[in-house]
């Protein structure tokens, strides 16, 4: 545009130079030619001939001058027109291909929109000539117009965050910046950057950081709570040992023990969200897993929701699962269904067996509700982290965590829904091939088994020793890693096994195990460690790893089972003939 103005000024001056040159040449020619005739004394016919030649010469010179000057002007004009056309083409190319929404505004009204702006706000025909203020939401309109009609965004001033509606009528967040008045384009250039997704990610990150902080706090509380819970459950077990046949007291203590185990499971479910809680899979009846989940679901359902539960699979069906985490996944689905039925409805849990695509039998658990349903658009991103249909109320982690839990068990979680007609979530889990072979606590051979009990918690150490004595063993208690290693090295030929639960930073249970194995000692060991249990245990076939929340009765059973397996393997080796 500036080049066009400069070119127009040059053409005017060129025309003026041509006119002045013509006047100067004409005047000089007339004066000089008339003076020459008088001096030479031409008269009559000669004078007429000379005047004719003079006129022809003047016309020729004038025509030549006009040709040269006008040709130069026309060439300059042609070059200027080409330059302006290329400049406009570049401008419109950049304007149309810009990755942000660009709008040209004249006196507060929309004159032009680029392709991105039309994709974001709607077609140009819809907006051309309309007030730019109509783009923004009411609460941001005044601030937006102050920038657009004022001096734009001063240098160094960040873009203004405003809210608007996109072409589909959905709320979006935009960063608004405006140029000063551009006479070349006949108005102001407005830039709108869609930051909706970025802002959503930032909010999700804040929520995640809050959850991480809550997880750290929950982990600390859970650790202290587990210490108290372990002692309580241990003393309950000790009391059960001393009931002396009182059946009523034994039943009450068993009920207290079950409540304590459920409390431990709830703590582990909480830690699933805050940090990676160790997975504790074991072979168990599928009905036991689902019954426990449905008991929690019933407690979470309000009276306006009718809950039904049907177990249609064979009652002896077994699965290799962590019951607490599978129950957490089912509870997540039930809570989502509850939130989708604010005015009441029906929630049904049905368990059956069905083959997968390869014909392998799988346990199928369906959770069906009669709620509001899920739109097709939401179904595409339903299992993505932080995606939620609950607005600011939801975090968007329930479904991804539930699917992750089920996939860790070798199964899958799928969803089917129709808007306004409820939703059906289906969990599939592989079933086990056979029943669990449980070894009852008993001595591995004739005689009393001596077991080293190394634990840094006095209550747990006392409980383990009492349970071992009840099983017919002789426990040797120690309280530290150093004492554990020294005692075992001095009397290792006397020990049938060792239970090690030392959590010291430098002299941990793993340190004690390493010292024992370094002495070429294959004594069966039950090692108590959350970290190793989470990482999958150890490669040592003579060592069983359990978590710190494992009840002492199960630890003793694991010890006796490991001793029995160790002695059986040694007997088979001794009976194998040499060739």
Protein backbone atom coordinates (compact mmCIF):
# COMPACT_ATOMS: atom_id res chain seq x y z
CA UNK A 1 0.00 0.00 0.00
CA UNK A 2 2.83 2.44 0.82
CA UNK A 3 4.53 1.51 -2.43
CA UNK A 4 1.33 2.34 -4.30
CA UNK A 5 1.19 5.83 -2.77
CA UNK A 6 4.87 6.42 -3.52
CA UNK A 7 4.39 5.25 -7.12
CA UNK A 8 1.42 7.60 -7.62
CA UNK A 9 3.51 10.60 -6.43
CA UNK A 10 6.31 9.65 -8.85
CA UNK A 11 3.89 9.54 -11.78
CA UNK A 12 2.58 13.06 -10.98
CA UNK A 13 6.11 14.46 -10.85
CA UNK A 14 6.99 12.71 -14.11
CA UNK A 15 3.98 14.30 -15.84
CA UNK A 16 5.03 17.70 -14.52
CA UNK A 17 8.57 17.21 -15.83
CA UNK A 18 7.20 16.31 -19.28
CA UNK A 19 5.04 19.47 -19.39
CA UNK A 20 7.90 21.73 -18.26
CA UNK A 21 10.30 20.15 -20.74
CA UNK A 22 7.78 20.61 -23.56
CA UNK A 23 7.23 24.28 -22.69
CA UNK A 24 10.99 24.93 -22.42
CA UNK A 25 11.79 23.25 -25.76
CA UNK A 26 8.89 24.96 -27.54
CA UNK A 27 9.78 28.41 -26.21
CA UNK A 28 13.50 28.13 -27.05
CA UNK A 29 12.77 26.74 -30.46
CA UNK A 30 10.42 29.58 -31.38
CA UNK A 31 12.74 32.30 -30.09
CA UNK A 32 15.88 30.86 -31.66
CA UNK A 33 14.26 30.02 -35.00
CA UNK A 34 12.70 33.51 -35.40
CA UNK A 35 15.97 35.21 -34.51
CA UNK A 36 17.82 33.05 -37.03
CA UNK A 37 15.42 33.99 -39.85
CA UNK A 38 15.91 37.69 -39.19
CA UNK A 39 19.70 37.42 -39.24
CA UNK A 40 19.77 35.26 -42.38
CA UNK A 41 17.30 37.57 -44.14
CA UNK A 42 14.90 34.82 -45.33
CA UNK A 43 11.79 36.19 -46.99
CA UNK A 44 8.84 34.93 -49.00
CA UNK A 45 8.83 31.28 -50.12
CA UNK A 46 12.12 30.54 -48.39
CA UNK A 47 10.69 31.75 -45.14
CA UNK A 48 7.61 29.50 -45.52
CA UNK A 49 9.80 26.48 -46.28
CA UNK A 50 12.02 27.19 -43.30
CA UNK A 51 8.97 27.55 -41.03
CA UNK A 52 7.64 24.20 -42.30
CA UNK A 53 10.98 22.48 -41.62
CA UNK A 54 11.09 24.17 -38.22
CA UNK A 55 7.62 22.79 -37.37
CA UNK A 56 8.52 19.26 -38.50
CA UNK A 57 11.72 19.33 -36.45
CA UNK A 58 9.82 20.58 -33.37
CA UNK A 59 7.16 17.89 -33.68
CA UNK A 60 9.83 15.20 -34.08
CA UNK A 61 11.83 16.32 -31.06
CA UNK A 62 8.68 16.72 -28.95
CA UNK A 63 7.41 13.28 -29.96
CA UNK A 64 10.79 11.74 -29.10
CA UNK A 65 10.83 13.40 -25.70
CA UNK A 66 7.26 12.33 -24.99
CA UNK A 67 8.06 8.76 -26.07
CA UNK A 68 11.06 8.52 -23.78
CA UNK A 69 9.41 10.11 -20.73
CA UNK A 70 6.00 8.44 -21.08
CA UNK A 71 7.63 5.03 -21.74
CA UNK A 72 9.68 5.34 -18.54
CA UNK A 73 6.57 6.31 -16.60
CA UNK A 74 4.58 3.39 -18.00
CA UNK A 75 7.38 0.94 -17.21
CA UNK A 76 7.57 2.29 -13.65
CA UNK A 77 3.81 2.01 -13.29
CA UNK A 78 3.85 -1.57 -14.58
CA UNK A 79 6.59 -2.56 -12.13
CA UNK A 80 4.72 -0.84 -9.31
CA UNK A 81 1.46 -2.65 -10.16
CA UNK A 82 3.27 -6.02 -10.21
CA UNK A 83 4.94 -5.28 -6.86
CA UNK A 84 1.65 -4.26 -5.29
CA UNK A 85 -0.06 -7.38 -6.66
CA UNK A 86 2.69 -9.63 -5.25
CA UNK A 87 2.53 -7.82 -1.91
CA UNK A 88 -1.22 -8.26 -1.74
CA UNK A 89 -0.91 -11.93 -2.71
CA UNK A 90 1.62 -12.49 0.07
CA UNK A 91 -0.55 -10.65 2.57
CA UNK A 92 -3.68 -12.65 1.72
CA UNK A 93 -1.69 -15.90 1.67
CA UNK A 94 -0.30 -15.22 5.14
CA UNK A 95 -3.68 -13.95 6.32
CA UNK A 96 -5.56 -17.02 5.10
CA UNK A 97 -2.96 -19.61 6.13
CA UNK A 98 -2.28 -18.20 9.57
CA UNK A 99 -2.57 -20.86 12.34
CA UNK A 100 -4.46 -18.35 14.51
CA UNK A 101 -7.80 -16.66 13.92
CA UNK A 102 -7.30 -13.24 12.23
CA UNK A 103 -10.11 -10.70 11.83
CA UNK A 104 -10.01 -7.28 10.14
CA UNK A 105 -12.22 -4.82 12.04
CA UNK A 106 -13.27 -1.37 10.75
CA UNK A 107 -15.05 0.95 13.21
CA UNK A 108 -15.88 -2.01 15.44
CA UNK A 109 -17.42 -4.08 12.62
CA UNK A 110 -16.04 -7.22 11.04
CA UNK A 111 -14.73 -6.77 7.49
CA UNK A 112 -12.67 -9.95 6.90
CA UNK A 113 -12.05 -13.32 8.56
CA UNK A 114 -9.33 -15.77 7.65
CA UNK A 115 -9.92 -19.51 7.20
CA UNK A 116 -8.99 -20.40 10.81
CA UNK A 117 -11.35 -17.73 12.18
CA UNK A 118 -14.18 -19.13 10.03
CA UNK A 119 -13.42 -22.66 11.24
CA UNK A 120 -13.45 -21.43 14.84
CA UNK A 121 -16.41 -18.98 14.77
CA UNK A 122 -18.40 -19.84 11.66
CA UNK A 123 -18.53 -18.78 7.96
CA UNK A 124 -17.64 -15.23 6.87
CA UNK A 125 -21.17 -14.62 5.52
CA UNK A 126 -22.50 -15.05 9.05
CA UNK A 127 -20.16 -12.47 10.56
CA UNK A 128 -19.47 -9.91 7.83
CA UNK A 129 -20.62 -6.43 8.92
CA UNK A 130 -21.56 -7.55 12.46
CA UNK A 131 -20.26 -5.96 15.64
CA UNK A 132 -17.04 -7.67 16.84
CA UNK A 133 -18.41 -7.46 20.41
CA UNK A 134 -20.93 -10.23 19.54
CA UNK A 135 -18.05 -12.73 19.37
CA UNK A 136 -17.32 -12.55 23.11
CA UNK A 137 -19.28 -13.60 26.19
CA UNK A 138 -21.04 -10.89 28.18
CA UNK A 139 -18.61 -10.90 31.11
CA UNK A 140 -15.57 -10.32 28.85
CA UNK A 141 -17.12 -8.02 26.24
CA UNK A 142 -16.12 -4.70 27.85
CA UNK A 143 -12.47 -5.74 28.34
CA UNK A 144 -12.28 -7.07 24.78
CA UNK A 145 -13.71 -3.92 23.21
CA UNK A 146 -11.35 -1.74 25.25
CA UNK A 147 -8.41 -3.48 23.56
CA UNK A 148 -9.97 -3.58 20.09
CA UNK A 149 -11.14 0.05 19.96
CA UNK A 150 -8.27 1.47 22.01
CA UNK A 151 -4.59 1.38 21.15
CA UNK A 152 -4.44 -2.39 20.91
CA UNK A 153 -1.98 -4.37 23.02
CA UNK A 154 0.94 -2.11 24.01
CA UNK A 155 4.42 -3.55 23.58
CA UNK A 156 5.15 -6.18 26.22
CA UNK A 157 1.52 -6.41 27.35
CA UNK A 158 0.25 -10.03 27.39
CA UNK A 159 -2.81 -11.01 25.41
CA UNK A 160 -6.17 -10.73 27.16
CA UNK A 161 -7.92 -14.01 28.08
CA UNK A 162 -11.57 -13.90 26.97
CA UNK A 163 -14.43 -16.39 26.65
CA UNK A 164 -16.53 -16.98 23.56
CA UNK A 165 -18.68 -19.56 21.76
CA UNK A 166 -17.36 -21.55 18.80
CA UNK A 167 -19.26 -22.43 15.63
CA UNK A 168 -20.88 -25.40 17.45
CA UNK A 169 -22.04 -23.21 20.33
CA UNK A 170 -19.52 -24.67 22.79
CA UNK A 171 -17.66 -22.45 25.24
CA UNK A 172 -14.02 -21.75 24.35
CA UNK A 173 -11.21 -19.67 25.82
CA UNK A 174 -9.27 -17.26 23.59
CA UNK A 175 -6.21 -15.06 23.91
CA UNK A 176 -7.10 -11.69 22.31
CA UNK A 177 -4.56 -9.26 20.87
CA UNK A 178 -5.16 -6.29 18.55
CA UNK A 179 -2.96 -4.07 16.40
CA UNK A 180 -3.10 -0.29 16.18
CA UNK A 181 -5.13 1.27 13.37
CA UNK A 182 -3.76 0.12 9.99
CA UNK A 183 -4.77 2.57 7.23
CA UNK A 184 -3.34 0.14 4.66
CA UNK A 185 -5.96 -2.49 5.48
CA UNK A 186 -8.64 -0.05 6.46
CA UNK A 187 -8.93 -1.01 10.12
CA UNK A 188 -7.42 -3.07 12.94
CA UNK A 189 -6.07 -6.60 12.77
CA UNK A 190 -7.46 -8.79 15.58
CA UNK A 191 -5.75 -12.08 16.53
CA UNK A 192 -7.55 -14.81 18.50
CA UNK A 193 -5.65 -17.86 19.76
CA UNK A 194 -7.73 -20.84 20.95
CA UNK A 195 -6.21 -21.93 24.29
CA UNK A 196 -9.16 -24.06 25.47
CA UNK A 197 -7.26 -27.37 25.38
CA UNK A 198 -4.16 -25.82 26.93
CA UNK A 199 -6.19 -24.33 29.79
CA UNK A 200 -7.97 -27.64 30.34
CA UNK A 201 -4.60 -29.39 30.55
CA UNK A 202 -3.35 -26.78 33.00
CA UNK A 203 -6.42 -27.29 35.20
CA UNK A 204 -6.01 -31.05 34.95
CA UNK A 205 -2.36 -30.69 35.94
CA UNK A 206 -3.36 -28.66 39.00
CA UNK A 207 -5.85 -31.36 39.96
CA UNK A 208 -3.19 -34.01 39.46
CA UNK A 209 -0.73 -32.15 41.63
CA UNK A 210 -3.38 -31.80 44.33
CA UNK A 211 -4.07 -35.52 44.12
CA UNK A 212 -0.35 -36.25 44.35
CA UNK A 213 -0.14 -34.10 47.47
CA UNK A 214 -3.17 -35.89 48.90
CA UNK A 215 -1.54 -39.19 47.99
CA UNK A 216 1.61 -38.27 49.92
CA UNK A 217 -0.48 -37.29 52.96
CA UNK A 218 -2.63 -40.42 52.62
CA UNK A 219 0.48 -42.60 52.36
CA UNK A 220 1.85 -41.15 55.59
CA UNK A 221 -1.45 -41.57 57.41
CA UNK A 222 -1.94 -45.06 55.99
CA UNK A 223 1.53 -46.11 57.14
CA UNK A 224 0.78 -45.11 60.73
CA UNK A 225 -2.71 -46.56 60.49
CA UNK A 226 -1.32 -49.85 59.17
CA UNK A 227 1.05 -50.07 62.12
CA UNK A 228 -1.86 -49.72 64.53
CA UNK A 229 -4.05 -52.03 62.46
CA UNK A 230 -1.35 -54.70 62.30
CA UNK A 231 -0.99 -54.68 66.06
CA UNK A 232 -4.76 -54.81 66.56
CA UNK A 233 -5.19 -57.71 64.15
CA UNK A 234 -2.24 -59.51 65.73
CA UNK A 235 -3.70 -59.28 69.19
CA UNK A 236 -7.05 -60.47 67.82
CA UNK A 237 -5.26 -63.53 66.43
CA UNK A 238 -3.57 -64.09 69.78
CA UNK A 239 -6.91 -63.84 71.56
CA UNK A 240 -8.40 -66.36 69.12
CA UNK A 241 -5.62 -68.80 70.03
CA UNK A 242 -6.57 -68.54 73.73
CA UNK A 243 -10.34 -68.92 73.44
CA UNK A 244 -10.04 -72.49 74.81
CA UNK A 245 -12.95 -73.80 72.79
CA UNK A 246 -15.32 -70.91 73.47
CA UNK A 247 -17.13 -70.89 70.13
CA UNK A 248 -19.00 -67.64 70.68
CA UNK A 249 -15.80 -65.78 71.55
CA UNK A 250 -14.01 -67.37 68.57
CA UNK A 251 -16.77 -66.22 66.18
CA UNK A 252 -16.63 -62.69 67.56
CA UNK A 253 -12.86 -62.55 67.17
CA UNK A 254 -13.11 -63.93 63.62
CA UNK A 255 -15.60 -61.17 62.79
CA UNK A 256 -13.22 -58.58 64.23
CA UNK A 257 -10.41 -60.07 62.14
CA UNK A 258 -12.52 -59.85 58.96
CA UNK A 259 -13.35 -56.20 59.73
CA UNK A 260 -9.65 -55.47 60.23
CA UNK A 261 -8.77 -57.10 56.90
CA UNK A 262 -11.46 -55.02 55.17
CA UNK A 263 -9.99 -51.89 56.77
CA UNK A 264 -6.58 -52.87 55.40
CA UNK A 265 -8.12 -53.36 51.95
CA UNK A 266 -9.70 -49.91 52.10
CA UNK A 267 -6.32 -48.39 52.92
CA UNK A 268 -4.77 -50.17 49.95
CA UNK A 269 -7.59 -48.92 47.71
CA UNK A 270 -6.86 -45.36 48.86
CA UNK A 271 -3.17 -45.82 48.11
CA UNK A 272 -4.02 -47.01 44.60
CA UNK A 273 -4.91 -43.39 43.77
CA UNK A 274 -2.06 -41.76 45.68
CA UNK A 275 0.82 -44.06 44.78
CA UNK A 276 1.52 -47.49 43.31
CA UNK A 277 0.20 -49.88 45.92
CA UNK A 278 1.71 -53.36 45.59
CA UNK A 279 -0.49 -55.83 43.73
CA UNK A 280 -1.41 -58.84 45.87
CA UNK A 281 -2.92 -61.38 43.48
CA UNK A 282 -3.94 -64.78 44.70
CA UNK A 283 -6.20 -67.59 43.61
CA UNK A 284 -9.64 -67.08 45.07
CA UNK A 285 -13.34 -67.66 44.30
CA UNK A 286 -14.81 -65.13 41.89
CA UNK A 287 -18.01 -65.02 43.95
CA UNK A 288 -16.06 -63.91 47.02
CA UNK A 289 -14.53 -61.02 45.07
CA UNK A 290 -17.82 -59.80 43.59
CA UNK A 291 -19.82 -60.33 46.80
CA UNK A 292 -17.40 -58.04 48.64
CA UNK A 293 -17.69 -55.41 45.90
CA UNK A 294 -21.49 -55.52 45.90
CA UNK A 295 -21.54 -55.10 49.68
CA UNK A 296 -19.63 -51.81 49.20
CA UNK A 297 -21.87 -50.79 46.28
CA UNK A 298 -25.05 -51.30 48.30
CA UNK A 299 -23.69 -48.97 50.96
CA UNK A 300 -22.90 -46.29 48.35
CA UNK A 301 -26.33 -46.33 46.64
CA UNK A 302 -29.05 -43.90 47.80
CA UNK A 303 -32.62 -45.11 48.33
CA UNK A 304 -33.75 -43.65 44.99
CA UNK A 305 -31.65 -46.25 43.10
CA UNK A 306 -32.78 -49.89 42.99
CA UNK A 307 -29.72 -52.18 43.06
CA UNK A 308 -29.78 -55.84 41.92
CA UNK A 309 -27.00 -58.43 41.85
CA UNK A 310 -27.10 -61.79 40.04
CA UNK A 311 -24.23 -64.30 40.12
CA UNK A 312 -24.93 -66.65 37.18
CA UNK A 313 -21.46 -68.24 36.95
CA UNK A 314 -20.61 -71.56 38.66
CA UNK A 315 -19.95 -70.93 42.34
CA UNK A 316 -16.59 -72.78 42.18
CA UNK A 317 -15.18 -70.39 39.53
CA UNK A 318 -11.71 -69.20 40.56
CA UNK A 319 -9.73 -66.14 39.45
CA UNK A 320 -6.15 -65.05 40.08
CA UNK A 321 -6.83 -61.52 41.36
CA UNK A 322 -6.21 -58.79 43.86
CA UNK A 323 -9.66 -58.64 45.42
CA UNK A 324 -9.27 -55.10 46.83
CA UNK A 325 -8.34 -53.57 43.48
CA UNK A 326 -11.02 -55.42 41.49
CA UNK A 327 -13.58 -54.26 44.05
CA UNK A 328 -12.25 -50.71 43.69
CA UNK A 329 -12.76 -50.89 39.91
CA UNK A 330 -16.36 -52.11 40.35
CA UNK A 331 -17.05 -49.44 42.95
CA UNK A 332 -15.78 -46.74 40.55
CA UNK A 333 -18.23 -47.96 37.88
CA UNK A 334 -21.11 -48.04 40.38
CA UNK A 335 -20.40 -44.50 41.60
CA UNK A 336 -20.34 -43.22 38.00
CA UNK A 337 -23.70 -44.94 37.43
CA UNK A 338 -25.09 -43.36 40.61
CA UNK A 339 -24.05 -39.88 39.43
CA UNK A 340 -25.71 -40.53 36.05
CA UNK A 341 -29.08 -41.16 37.80
CA UNK A 342 -29.72 -38.00 39.87
CA UNK A 343 -33.48 -38.66 39.81
CA UNK A 344 -33.21 -42.37 40.57
CA UNK A 345 -33.12 -45.48 38.45
CA UNK A 346 -31.88 -49.07 38.38
CA UNK A 347 -28.37 -50.44 38.72
CA UNK A 348 -27.72 -54.11 37.94
CA UNK A 349 -24.55 -56.20 38.37
CA UNK A 350 -24.58 -59.55 36.55
CA UNK A 351 -21.75 -62.11 36.61
CA UNK A 352 -21.51 -64.88 34.02
CA UNK A 353 -19.02 -66.89 31.98
CA UNK A 354 -18.56 -66.13 28.29
CA UNK A 355 -15.85 -67.04 25.74
CA UNK A 356 -13.61 -64.38 24.26
CA UNK A 357 -12.74 -64.02 20.55
CA UNK A 358 -10.43 -67.06 20.78
CA UNK A 359 -13.05 -69.18 22.53
CA UNK A 360 -11.26 -69.03 25.92
CA UNK A 361 -13.73 -68.91 28.87
CA UNK A 362 -13.72 -65.56 30.65
CA UNK A 363 -15.54 -64.22 33.68
CA UNK A 364 -17.86 -61.42 32.55
CA UNK A 365 -19.15 -58.79 34.98
CA UNK A 366 -21.65 -56.25 33.57
CA UNK A 367 -22.62 -53.05 35.37
CA UNK A 368 -25.76 -51.60 33.74
CA UNK A 369 -27.66 -48.44 34.68
CA UNK A 370 -30.70 -46.55 33.41
CA UNK A 371 -29.10 -43.10 33.64
CA UNK A 372 -28.57 -40.26 31.21
CA UNK A 373 -26.24 -42.25 28.94
CA UNK A 374 -23.10 -41.11 27.13
CA UNK A 375 -22.93 -39.21 23.83
CA UNK A 376 -21.08 -40.62 20.81
CA UNK A 377 -18.48 -37.84 21.03
CA UNK A 378 -17.78 -38.62 24.70
CA UNK A 379 -17.50 -42.36 23.97
CA UNK A 380 -14.44 -41.68 21.81
CA UNK A 381 -12.44 -40.28 24.76
CA UNK A 382 -14.21 -42.01 27.65
CA UNK A 383 -11.15 -43.84 28.98
CA UNK A 384 -8.65 -41.02 28.48
CA UNK A 385 -7.09 -39.61 31.67
CA UNK A 386 -8.74 -36.41 32.97
CA UNK A 387 -11.70 -36.69 30.60
CA UNK A 388 -14.96 -36.25 32.51
CA UNK A 389 -18.60 -35.60 31.71
CA UNK A 390 -19.24 -34.25 35.23
CA UNK A 391 -17.80 -30.75 34.67
CA UNK A 392 -15.80 -29.33 37.55
CA UNK A 393 -17.13 -32.02 39.89
CA UNK A 394 -15.27 -34.87 38.17
CA UNK A 395 -11.53 -35.53 38.08
CA UNK A 396 -11.54 -37.90 35.10
CA UNK A 397 -9.46 -40.69 36.67
CA UNK A 398 -12.08 -43.24 37.77
CA UNK A 399 -12.51 -45.01 34.42
CA UNK A 400 -8.80 -44.96 33.39
CA UNK A 401 -7.78 -46.35 36.79
CA UNK A 402 -10.50 -49.01 36.62
CA UNK A 403 -9.47 -50.09 33.14
CA UNK A 404 -5.80 -50.15 34.23
CA UNK A 405 -6.67 -52.42 37.18
CA UNK A 406 -8.60 -54.85 34.99
CA UNK A 407 -5.91 -54.89 32.28
CA UNK A 408 -3.31 -55.67 34.97
CA UNK A 409 -5.40 -58.78 35.64
CA UNK A 410 -5.22 -59.81 31.97
CA UNK A 411 -8.76 -58.66 31.17
CA UNK A 412 -10.43 -55.57 29.74
CA UNK A 413 -13.12 -52.99 30.46
CA UNK A 414 -15.47 -51.90 27.65
CA UNK A 415 -18.47 -49.58 27.48
CA UNK A 416 -21.68 -49.32 25.44
CA UNK A 417 -24.22 -46.53 25.75
CA UNK A 418 -26.91 -44.54 24.02
CA UNK A 419 -27.70 -41.00 25.06
CA UNK A 420 -30.76 -40.96 27.30
CA UNK A 421 -30.89 -44.76 27.61
CA UNK A 422 -28.25 -45.58 30.20
CA UNK A 423 -24.87 -47.26 29.91
CA UNK A 424 -23.45 -50.79 30.20
CA UNK A 425 -19.86 -51.41 31.31
CA UNK A 426 -18.44 -54.91 30.90
CA UNK A 427 -15.44 -56.31 32.78
CA UNK A 428 -13.81 -59.50 31.49
CA UNK A 429 -11.26 -61.39 33.59
CA UNK A 430 -9.55 -64.73 32.77
CA UNK A 431 -10.68 -67.56 35.02
CA UNK A 432 -8.17 -69.87 36.69
CA UNK A 433 -7.57 -73.40 35.45
CA UNK A 434 -8.07 -75.15 38.79
CA UNK A 435 -8.62 -74.81 42.52
CA UNK A 436 -6.00 -73.37 44.81
CA UNK A 437 -3.88 -75.95 46.59
CA UNK A 438 -3.74 -74.65 50.12
CA UNK A 439 -1.17 -76.10 52.50
CA UNK A 440 -2.39 -76.30 56.04
CA UNK A 441 -0.03 -75.13 58.77
CA UNK A 442 1.83 -78.17 59.97
CA UNK A 443 5.33 -79.33 60.70
CA UNK A 444 7.32 -80.41 57.67
CA UNK A 445 8.67 -83.52 59.34
CA UNK A 446 8.92 -85.18 62.68
CA UNK A 447 10.42 -83.09 65.42
CA UNK A 448 10.19 -79.44 66.36
CA UNK A 449 11.01 -76.84 63.66
CA UNK A 450 13.24 -73.98 64.82
CA UNK A 451 12.39 -70.70 63.03
CA UNK A 452 14.34 -67.46 63.27
CA UNK A 453 11.94 -64.50 63.68
CA UNK A 454 13.67 -61.17 62.88
CA UNK A 455 11.28 -58.23 63.14
CA UNK A 456 11.87 -54.65 64.32
CA UNK A 457 8.29 -54.24 65.63
CA UNK A 458 7.89 -55.85 69.04
CA UNK A 459 4.14 -56.47 68.67
CA UNK A 460 4.51 -58.25 65.33
CA UNK A 461 7.48 -60.24 66.61
CA UNK A 462 5.48 -61.43 69.65
CA UNK A 463 2.46 -62.40 67.55
CA UNK A 464 4.57 -64.36 65.05
CA UNK A 465 6.33 -66.24 67.84
CA UNK A 466 3.02 -67.12 69.52
CA UNK A 467 1.51 -68.41 66.25
CA UNK A 468 4.63 -70.46 65.51
CA UNK A 469 4.50 -72.06 68.94
CA UNK A 470 0.82 -72.85 68.33
CA UNK A 471 1.87 -74.59 65.07
CA UNK A 472 4.42 -76.68 66.97
CA UNK A 473 7.55 -74.66 66.10
CA UNK A 474 10.26 -73.14 68.27
CA UNK A 475 10.73 -69.44 67.41
CA UNK A 476 14.00 -67.57 68.04
CA UNK A 477 13.17 -63.82 68.12
CA UNK A 478 15.66 -61.07 67.23
CA UNK A 479 15.06 -57.32 66.80
CA UNK A 480 17.71 -56.00 64.35
CA UNK A 481 19.49 -56.81 61.13
CA UNK A 482 22.87 -57.25 62.81
CA UNK A 483 21.43 -59.62 65.41
CA UNK A 484 19.59 -61.52 62.66
CA UNK A 485 22.77 -62.17 60.65
CA UNK A 486 24.90 -63.00 63.71
CA UNK A 487 22.33 -65.40 65.19
CA UNK A 488 21.76 -67.16 61.87
CA UNK A 489 25.48 -67.55 61.15
CA UNK A 490 26.12 -69.05 64.59
CA UNK A 491 23.16 -71.44 64.55
CA UNK A 492 22.25 -71.79 60.87
CA UNK A 493 22.35 -75.60 60.94
CA UNK A 494 19.60 -75.52 63.58
CA UNK A 495 17.14 -73.29 61.68
CA UNK A 496 14.44 -74.82 59.47
CA UNK A 497 13.51 -71.36 58.20
CA UNK A 498 13.54 -67.62 58.88
CA UNK A 499 10.94 -64.84 58.87
CA UNK A 500 12.64 -61.48 58.25
CA UNK A 501 10.75 -58.19 58.60
CA UNK A 502 13.54 -55.68 59.24
CA UNK A 503 12.82 -52.27 57.64
CA UNK A 504 16.08 -50.50 58.66
CA UNK A 505 17.55 -48.27 55.91
CA UNK A 506 21.01 -49.92 55.78
CA UNK A 507 20.45 -53.23 57.57
CA UNK A 508 17.14 -54.12 55.93
CA UNK A 509 15.61 -57.53 55.40
CA UNK A 510 17.10 -57.65 51.91
CA UNK A 511 20.55 -56.97 53.40
CA UNK A 512 20.07 -59.86 55.85
CA UNK A 513 18.91 -62.15 53.02
CA UNK A 514 21.93 -61.22 50.89
CA UNK A 515 24.31 -62.03 53.80
CA UNK A 516 22.62 -65.40 54.38
CA UNK A 517 22.75 -66.36 50.69
CA UNK A 518 26.34 -65.16 50.37
CA UNK A 519 27.28 -67.85 52.92
CA UNK A 520 25.90 -70.48 50.49
CA UNK A 521 22.94 -71.02 52.82
CA UNK A 522 19.62 -72.02 51.23
CA UNK A 523 17.52 -71.83 54.37
CA UNK A 524 13.85 -71.09 53.46
CA UNK A 525 13.07 -67.41 54.12
CA UNK A 526 9.82 -65.41 54.22
CA UNK A 527 10.83 -61.80 53.54
CA UNK A 528 8.42 -59.00 54.53
CA UNK A 529 8.84 -56.07 52.09
CA UNK A 530 6.33 -53.84 50.29
CA UNK A 531 8.92 -52.67 47.75
CA UNK A 532 10.03 -56.15 46.71
CA UNK A 533 6.43 -57.40 46.62
CA UNK A 534 5.56 -54.54 44.29
CA UNK A 535 8.54 -55.29 42.04
CA UNK A 536 7.57 -58.96 41.76
CA UNK A 537 9.65 -60.52 44.54
CA UNK A 538 13.14 -61.99 44.12
CA UNK A 539 14.54 -64.65 41.80
CA UNK A 540 15.62 -66.81 44.77
CA UNK A 541 13.44 -69.95 44.72
CA UNK A 542 14.00 -70.47 48.45
CA UNK A 543 12.53 -67.06 49.36
CA UNK A 544 8.87 -65.99 49.57
CA UNK A 545 8.11 -62.25 49.61
CA UNK A 546 4.99 -60.88 51.35
CA UNK A 547 3.82 -57.33 52.06
CA UNK A 548 3.88 -55.56 55.41
CA UNK A 549 0.06 -55.64 55.58
CA UNK A 550 -0.06 -59.46 55.30
CA UNK A 551 -1.67 -60.90 58.48
CA UNK A 552 0.73 -62.77 60.76
CA UNK A 553 -1.31 -65.98 60.39
CA UNK A 554 -0.71 -65.93 56.61
CA UNK A 555 2.99 -65.21 57.15
CA UNK A 556 3.29 -68.28 59.37
CA UNK A 557 1.40 -70.38 56.82
CA UNK A 558 3.76 -69.15 54.07
CA UNK A 559 6.76 -70.04 56.25
CA UNK A 560 5.55 -73.60 56.86
CA UNK A 561 4.60 -74.04 53.20
CA UNK A 562 8.04 -72.84 52.06
CA UNK A 563 9.77 -75.21 54.52
CA UNK A 564 7.66 -78.16 53.29
CA UNK A 565 8.39 -77.37 49.63
CA UNK A 566 12.11 -76.96 50.37
CA UNK A 567 12.34 -80.32 52.18
CA UNK A 568 10.32 -82.11 49.51
CA UNK A 569 12.65 -80.81 46.79
CA UNK A 570 15.69 -81.89 48.78
CA UNK A 571 14.27 -85.39 49.27
CA UNK A 572 13.59 -85.77 45.54
CA UNK A 573 17.15 -84.70 44.82
CA UNK A 574 18.55 -87.23 47.32
CA UNK A 575 16.44 -90.05 45.87
CA UNK A 576 17.48 -89.27 42.28
CA UNK A 577 19.92 -92.04 41.10
CA UNK A 578 23.40 -91.09 39.93
CA UNK A 579 24.39 -92.10 36.39
